[in-house]
Amino acid sequence: MNIKKNDTVKILTGKDKGKTGKVLQVLPAEDKVSIEGLNLLIKHMRPSRKGEKGQRIEFPAFIKASNVALICPSCGRQTRVAAKIVAGEKGNKKYRVCKKCQTVIE
C-alpha cells in the first residue's frame, strides 16, 4: 500500500468526492484508510445510566485505499506513487517517489 499515516489524500469517489484530508489510520491487511473529517458516520449511543441522555457520535469511517489519491507535498497535485530503491551503507532503502515531479515523498 502506497498511502501512509499523516499523508494528504484526495477522495476520488463517493459523497465526499473532490475533498482532501489527512490520513488518520491505515489498515493495510484490509486495504482501507480513515481520513480526518471526511466520510463521517453517525453512531447513536444509548444512555448508560438512568437520567442520562443518549448522544450522537460522529466518526470518520474507513474507505477503500483505491478510492483515494495521494497529494504530493512538493508539487501539490494528486499523483500516483512509484518505488525507488537506493543502495546505502546498511543495505537497500525503498522510497516513495511522485510520478509527476519525481521527488521523494517522506
N, C-alpha and C. Protein backbone atom coordinates (compact mmCIF):
# COMPACT_ATOMS: atom_id res chain seq x y z
N MET A 1 0.85 -1.18 0.00
CA MET A 1 0.00 0.00 0.00
C MET A 1 0.90 1.24 0.00
N ASN A 2 0.58 2.20 -0.85
CA ASN A 2 1.41 3.39 -1.01
C ASN A 2 0.99 4.56 -0.14
N ILE A 3 -0.10 4.42 0.59
CA ILE A 3 -0.59 5.51 1.44
C ILE A 3 -0.25 5.19 2.88
N LYS A 4 0.27 6.20 3.57
CA LYS A 4 0.68 6.01 4.97
C LYS A 4 0.00 7.05 5.85
N LYS A 5 0.12 6.85 7.16
CA LYS A 5 -0.47 7.76 8.14
C LYS A 5 0.14 9.16 7.96
N ASN A 6 -0.68 10.19 8.14
CA ASN A 6 -0.32 11.62 8.02
C ASN A 6 -0.11 12.08 6.59
N ASP A 7 -0.36 11.25 5.57
CA ASP A 7 -0.33 11.70 4.18
C ASP A 7 -1.58 12.54 3.89
N THR A 8 -1.47 13.44 2.93
CA THR A 8 -2.63 14.20 2.47
C THR A 8 -3.16 13.50 1.22
N VAL A 9 -4.47 13.20 1.22
CA VAL A 9 -5.07 12.48 0.10
C VAL A 9 -6.32 13.20 -0.39
N LYS A 10 -6.72 12.88 -1.61
CA LYS A 10 -7.93 13.41 -2.22
C LYS A 10 -8.87 12.25 -2.49
N ILE A 11 -10.14 12.40 -2.13
CA ILE A 11 -11.12 11.35 -2.34
C ILE A 11 -11.62 11.40 -3.79
N LEU A 12 -11.61 10.25 -4.46
CA LEU A 12 -11.96 10.18 -5.88
C LEU A 12 -13.42 9.78 -6.12
N THR A 13 -14.05 9.08 -5.18
CA THR A 13 -15.42 8.62 -5.36
C THR A 13 -16.22 8.80 -4.08
N GLY A 14 -17.54 8.76 -4.20
CA GLY A 14 -18.41 8.77 -3.03
C GLY A 14 -18.95 10.15 -2.72
N LYS A 15 -19.58 10.27 -1.54
CA LYS A 15 -20.26 11.51 -1.16
C LYS A 15 -19.30 12.67 -0.92
N ASP A 16 -18.03 12.38 -0.60
CA ASP A 16 -17.03 13.43 -0.34
C ASP A 16 -16.04 13.57 -1.50
N LYS A 17 -16.47 13.24 -2.71
CA LYS A 17 -15.61 13.29 -3.89
C LYS A 17 -15.01 14.69 -4.08
N GLY A 18 -13.70 14.74 -4.31
CA GLY A 18 -13.01 16.01 -4.56
C GLY A 18 -12.45 16.66 -3.31
N LYS A 19 -12.80 16.19 -2.13
CA LYS A 19 -12.31 16.79 -0.89
C LYS A 19 -10.97 16.18 -0.50
N THR A 20 -10.17 16.96 0.21
CA THR A 20 -8.86 16.49 0.66
C THR A 20 -8.81 16.45 2.18
N GLY A 21 -7.96 15.58 2.69
CA GLY A 21 -7.81 15.47 4.13
C GLY A 21 -6.58 14.66 4.49
N LYS A 22 -6.29 14.63 5.78
CA LYS A 22 -5.12 13.93 6.30
C LYS A 22 -5.51 12.52 6.74
N VAL A 23 -4.68 11.54 6.45
CA VAL A 23 -4.95 10.15 6.81
C VAL A 23 -4.70 9.97 8.30
N LEU A 24 -5.72 9.45 9.00
CA LEU A 24 -5.61 9.20 10.44
C LEU A 24 -5.13 7.79 10.74
N GLN A 25 -5.64 6.83 9.98
CA GLN A 25 -5.37 5.43 10.28
C GLN A 25 -5.34 4.63 8.99
N VAL A 26 -4.48 3.61 8.95
CA VAL A 26 -4.36 2.77 7.76
C VAL A 26 -4.50 1.31 8.18
N LEU A 27 -5.30 0.56 7.44
CA LEU A 27 -5.42 -0.89 7.65
C LEU A 27 -4.89 -1.59 6.39
N PRO A 28 -3.59 -1.91 6.34
CA PRO A 28 -3.03 -2.49 5.12
C PRO A 28 -3.58 -3.87 4.78
N ALA A 29 -3.94 -4.66 5.78
CA ALA A 29 -4.47 -6.00 5.52
C ALA A 29 -5.82 -5.93 4.80
N GLU A 30 -6.62 -4.92 5.14
CA GLU A 30 -7.94 -4.76 4.53
C GLU A 30 -7.93 -3.74 3.40
N ASP A 31 -6.79 -3.08 3.16
CA ASP A 31 -6.62 -2.08 2.11
C ASP A 31 -7.58 -0.91 2.30
N LYS A 32 -7.66 -0.39 3.55
CA LYS A 32 -8.56 0.71 3.86
C LYS A 32 -7.83 1.82 4.61
N VAL A 33 -8.35 3.06 4.46
CA VAL A 33 -7.80 4.22 5.17
C VAL A 33 -8.93 5.01 5.80
N SER A 34 -8.60 5.74 6.87
CA SER A 34 -9.54 6.63 7.53
C SER A 34 -9.00 8.04 7.39
N ILE A 35 -9.87 8.99 6.96
CA ILE A 35 -9.43 10.35 6.67
C ILE A 35 -10.11 11.33 7.62
N GLU A 36 -9.32 12.25 8.14
CA GLU A 36 -9.79 13.22 9.14
C GLU A 36 -10.90 14.11 8.58
N GLY A 37 -12.07 14.09 9.23
CA GLY A 37 -13.18 14.96 8.88
C GLY A 37 -13.96 14.59 7.64
N LEU A 38 -13.65 13.46 7.02
CA LEU A 38 -14.34 13.05 5.79
C LEU A 38 -14.92 11.65 5.95
N ASN A 39 -15.93 11.34 5.15
CA ASN A 39 -16.63 10.06 5.20
C ASN A 39 -17.16 9.80 6.60
N LEU A 40 -17.81 10.82 7.18
CA LEU A 40 -18.28 10.74 8.55
C LEU A 40 -19.55 9.90 8.67
N LEU A 41 -19.60 9.08 9.68
CA LEU A 41 -20.79 8.31 10.02
C LEU A 41 -21.26 8.75 11.39
N ILE A 42 -22.56 8.56 11.67
CA ILE A 42 -23.12 8.93 12.96
C ILE A 42 -23.56 7.66 13.67
N LYS A 43 -23.10 7.51 14.91
CA LYS A 43 -23.48 6.37 15.73
C LYS A 43 -24.34 6.89 16.87
N HIS A 44 -25.50 6.29 17.08
CA HIS A 44 -26.39 6.68 18.16
C HIS A 44 -26.07 5.84 19.39
N MET A 45 -25.75 6.51 20.50
CA MET A 45 -25.40 5.81 21.73
C MET A 45 -26.55 5.93 22.72
N ARG A 46 -26.94 4.83 23.30
CA ARG A 46 -27.97 4.84 24.32
C ARG A 46 -27.39 5.35 25.63
N PRO A 47 -28.25 5.88 26.50
CA PRO A 47 -27.73 6.32 27.80
C PRO A 47 -27.28 5.10 28.61
N SER A 48 -26.15 5.24 29.30
CA SER A 48 -25.63 4.11 30.07
C SER A 48 -26.23 4.07 31.48
N ARG A 49 -26.64 5.22 32.00
CA ARG A 49 -27.24 5.28 33.33
C ARG A 49 -28.61 5.94 33.27
N LYS A 50 -29.38 5.73 34.30
CA LYS A 50 -30.69 6.35 34.38
C LYS A 50 -30.52 7.85 34.55
N GLY A 51 -31.30 8.62 33.84
CA GLY A 51 -31.22 10.08 33.94
C GLY A 51 -30.28 10.70 32.92
N GLU A 52 -29.41 9.93 32.31
CA GLU A 52 -28.51 10.46 31.27
C GLU A 52 -29.26 10.56 29.95
N LYS A 53 -28.73 11.38 29.06
CA LYS A 53 -29.29 11.49 27.72
C LYS A 53 -28.46 10.65 26.76
N GLY A 54 -29.11 10.17 25.73
CA GLY A 54 -28.39 9.50 24.67
C GLY A 54 -27.63 10.53 23.86
N GLN A 55 -26.73 10.08 23.02
CA GLN A 55 -25.94 11.03 22.22
C GLN A 55 -25.65 10.47 20.84
N ARG A 56 -25.29 11.38 19.95
CA ARG A 56 -24.88 11.01 18.59
C ARG A 56 -23.39 11.27 18.47
N ILE A 57 -22.65 10.27 18.05
CA ILE A 57 -21.20 10.39 17.90
C ILE A 57 -20.87 10.33 16.42
N GLU A 58 -20.15 11.34 15.91
CA GLU A 58 -19.67 11.33 14.53
C GLU A 58 -18.24 10.83 14.51
N PHE A 59 -17.94 9.94 13.58
CA PHE A 59 -16.58 9.43 13.47
C PHE A 59 -16.27 9.16 12.00
N PRO A 60 -14.99 9.31 11.60
CA PRO A 60 -14.62 9.03 10.21
C PRO A 60 -14.57 7.53 9.96
N ALA A 61 -15.33 7.06 8.98
CA ALA A 61 -15.35 5.64 8.63
C ALA A 61 -14.21 5.35 7.65
N PHE A 62 -13.91 4.08 7.51
CA PHE A 62 -12.86 3.67 6.59
C PHE A 62 -13.37 3.70 5.15
N ILE A 63 -12.43 3.96 4.23
CA ILE A 63 -12.73 4.00 2.81
C ILE A 63 -11.64 3.18 2.11
N LYS A 64 -12.01 2.54 1.01
CA LYS A 64 -11.02 1.74 0.27
C LYS A 64 -9.87 2.63 -0.21
N ALA A 65 -8.66 2.12 -0.11
CA ALA A 65 -7.47 2.88 -0.49
C ALA A 65 -7.44 3.17 -1.99
N SER A 66 -8.12 2.35 -2.79
CA SER A 66 -8.15 2.58 -4.23
C SER A 66 -9.03 3.77 -4.60
N ASN A 67 -9.85 4.24 -3.66
CA ASN A 67 -10.73 5.37 -3.91
C ASN A 67 -10.14 6.71 -3.46
N VAL A 68 -8.87 6.71 -3.08
CA VAL A 68 -8.19 7.95 -2.72
C VAL A 68 -6.89 8.05 -3.51
N ALA A 69 -6.45 9.29 -3.73
CA ALA A 69 -5.19 9.54 -4.45
C ALA A 69 -4.30 10.39 -3.56
N LEU A 70 -3.04 10.06 -3.53
CA LEU A 70 -2.06 10.79 -2.74
C LEU A 70 -1.81 12.16 -3.35
N ILE A 71 -1.66 13.18 -2.50
CA ILE A 71 -1.30 14.52 -2.97
C ILE A 71 0.16 14.74 -2.64
N CYS A 72 0.95 15.02 -3.66
CA CYS A 72 2.39 15.21 -3.49
C CYS A 72 2.66 16.46 -2.65
N PRO A 73 3.49 16.37 -1.59
CA PRO A 73 3.75 17.54 -0.76
C PRO A 73 4.57 18.62 -1.47
N SER A 74 5.35 18.24 -2.49
CA SER A 74 6.18 19.25 -3.15
C SER A 74 5.47 19.96 -4.30
N CYS A 75 4.77 19.21 -5.18
CA CYS A 75 4.11 19.86 -6.32
C CYS A 75 2.64 20.15 -6.04
N GLY A 76 2.03 19.54 -5.03
CA GLY A 76 0.66 19.84 -4.63
C GLY A 76 -0.41 19.26 -5.53
N ARG A 77 -0.06 18.33 -6.41
CA ARG A 77 -1.04 17.72 -7.30
C ARG A 77 -1.29 16.27 -6.89
N GLN A 78 -2.47 15.75 -7.26
CA GLN A 78 -2.72 14.34 -6.98
C GLN A 78 -1.85 13.52 -7.91
N THR A 79 -1.28 12.44 -7.39
CA THR A 79 -0.31 11.70 -8.15
C THR A 79 -0.35 10.22 -7.84
N ARG A 80 0.24 9.44 -8.72
CA ARG A 80 0.50 8.03 -8.45
C ARG A 80 1.86 7.96 -7.76
N VAL A 81 2.17 6.80 -7.21
CA VAL A 81 3.40 6.65 -6.46
C VAL A 81 4.24 5.54 -7.07
N ALA A 82 5.53 5.82 -7.23
CA ALA A 82 6.47 4.82 -7.71
C ALA A 82 7.41 4.46 -6.56
N ALA A 83 8.04 3.31 -6.66
CA ALA A 83 9.01 2.89 -5.65
C ALA A 83 10.41 3.01 -6.24
N LYS A 84 11.31 3.56 -5.45
CA LYS A 84 12.69 3.71 -5.88
C LYS A 84 13.58 3.08 -4.82
N ILE A 85 14.46 2.19 -5.23
CA ILE A 85 15.34 1.50 -4.29
C ILE A 85 16.74 2.11 -4.44
N VAL A 86 17.28 2.58 -3.31
CA VAL A 86 18.60 3.21 -3.30
C VAL A 86 19.52 2.37 -2.42
N ALA A 87 20.69 2.05 -2.95
CA ALA A 87 21.67 1.27 -2.19
C ALA A 87 22.39 2.20 -1.22
N GLY A 88 22.51 1.76 0.01
CA GLY A 88 23.18 2.56 1.04
C GLY A 88 24.20 1.73 1.80
N GLU A 89 24.74 2.32 2.88
CA GLU A 89 25.75 1.62 3.67
C GLU A 89 25.16 0.41 4.40
N LYS A 90 23.95 0.54 4.91
CA LYS A 90 23.33 -0.53 5.69
C LYS A 90 22.46 -1.45 4.84
N GLY A 91 22.49 -1.29 3.55
CA GLY A 91 21.67 -2.10 2.66
C GLY A 91 20.79 -1.23 1.79
N ASN A 92 19.86 -1.85 1.13
CA ASN A 92 18.96 -1.13 0.23
C ASN A 92 17.84 -0.44 1.01
N LYS A 93 17.45 0.75 0.56
CA LYS A 93 16.36 1.52 1.18
C LYS A 93 15.34 1.81 0.11
N LYS A 94 14.07 1.61 0.43
CA LYS A 94 12.98 1.82 -0.53
C LYS A 94 12.29 3.14 -0.23
N TYR A 95 12.13 3.99 -1.24
CA TYR A 95 11.48 5.30 -1.10
C TYR A 95 10.25 5.36 -1.99
N ARG A 96 9.30 6.20 -1.59
CA ARG A 96 8.14 6.51 -2.44
C ARG A 96 8.50 7.75 -3.26
N VAL A 97 8.16 7.72 -4.55
CA VAL A 97 8.51 8.82 -5.46
C VAL A 97 7.26 9.27 -6.19
N CYS A 98 7.08 10.60 -6.33
CA CYS A 98 5.98 11.18 -7.07
C CYS A 98 6.20 10.93 -8.56
N LYS A 99 5.17 10.44 -9.25
CA LYS A 99 5.30 10.15 -10.68
C LYS A 99 5.33 11.40 -11.54
N LYS A 100 4.84 12.54 -11.01
CA LYS A 100 4.77 13.75 -11.81
C LYS A 100 6.02 14.61 -11.69
N CYS A 101 6.50 14.81 -10.45
CA CYS A 101 7.66 15.70 -10.28
C CYS A 101 8.93 14.95 -9.89
N GLN A 102 8.84 13.64 -9.73
CA GLN A 102 9.99 12.77 -9.44
C GLN A 102 10.71 13.09 -8.13
N THR A 103 10.01 13.66 -7.14
CA THR A 103 10.63 13.93 -5.84
C THR A 103 10.26 12.82 -4.87
N VAL A 104 11.12 12.63 -3.87
CA VAL A 104 10.89 11.60 -2.87
C VAL A 104 9.83 12.08 -1.88
N ILE A 105 8.87 11.22 -1.57
CA ILE A 105 7.80 11.54 -0.62
C ILE A 105 8.15 10.90 0.70
N GLU A 106 8.26 11.70 1.75
CA GLU A 106 8.60 11.18 3.08
C GLU A 106 7.37 11.03 3.92
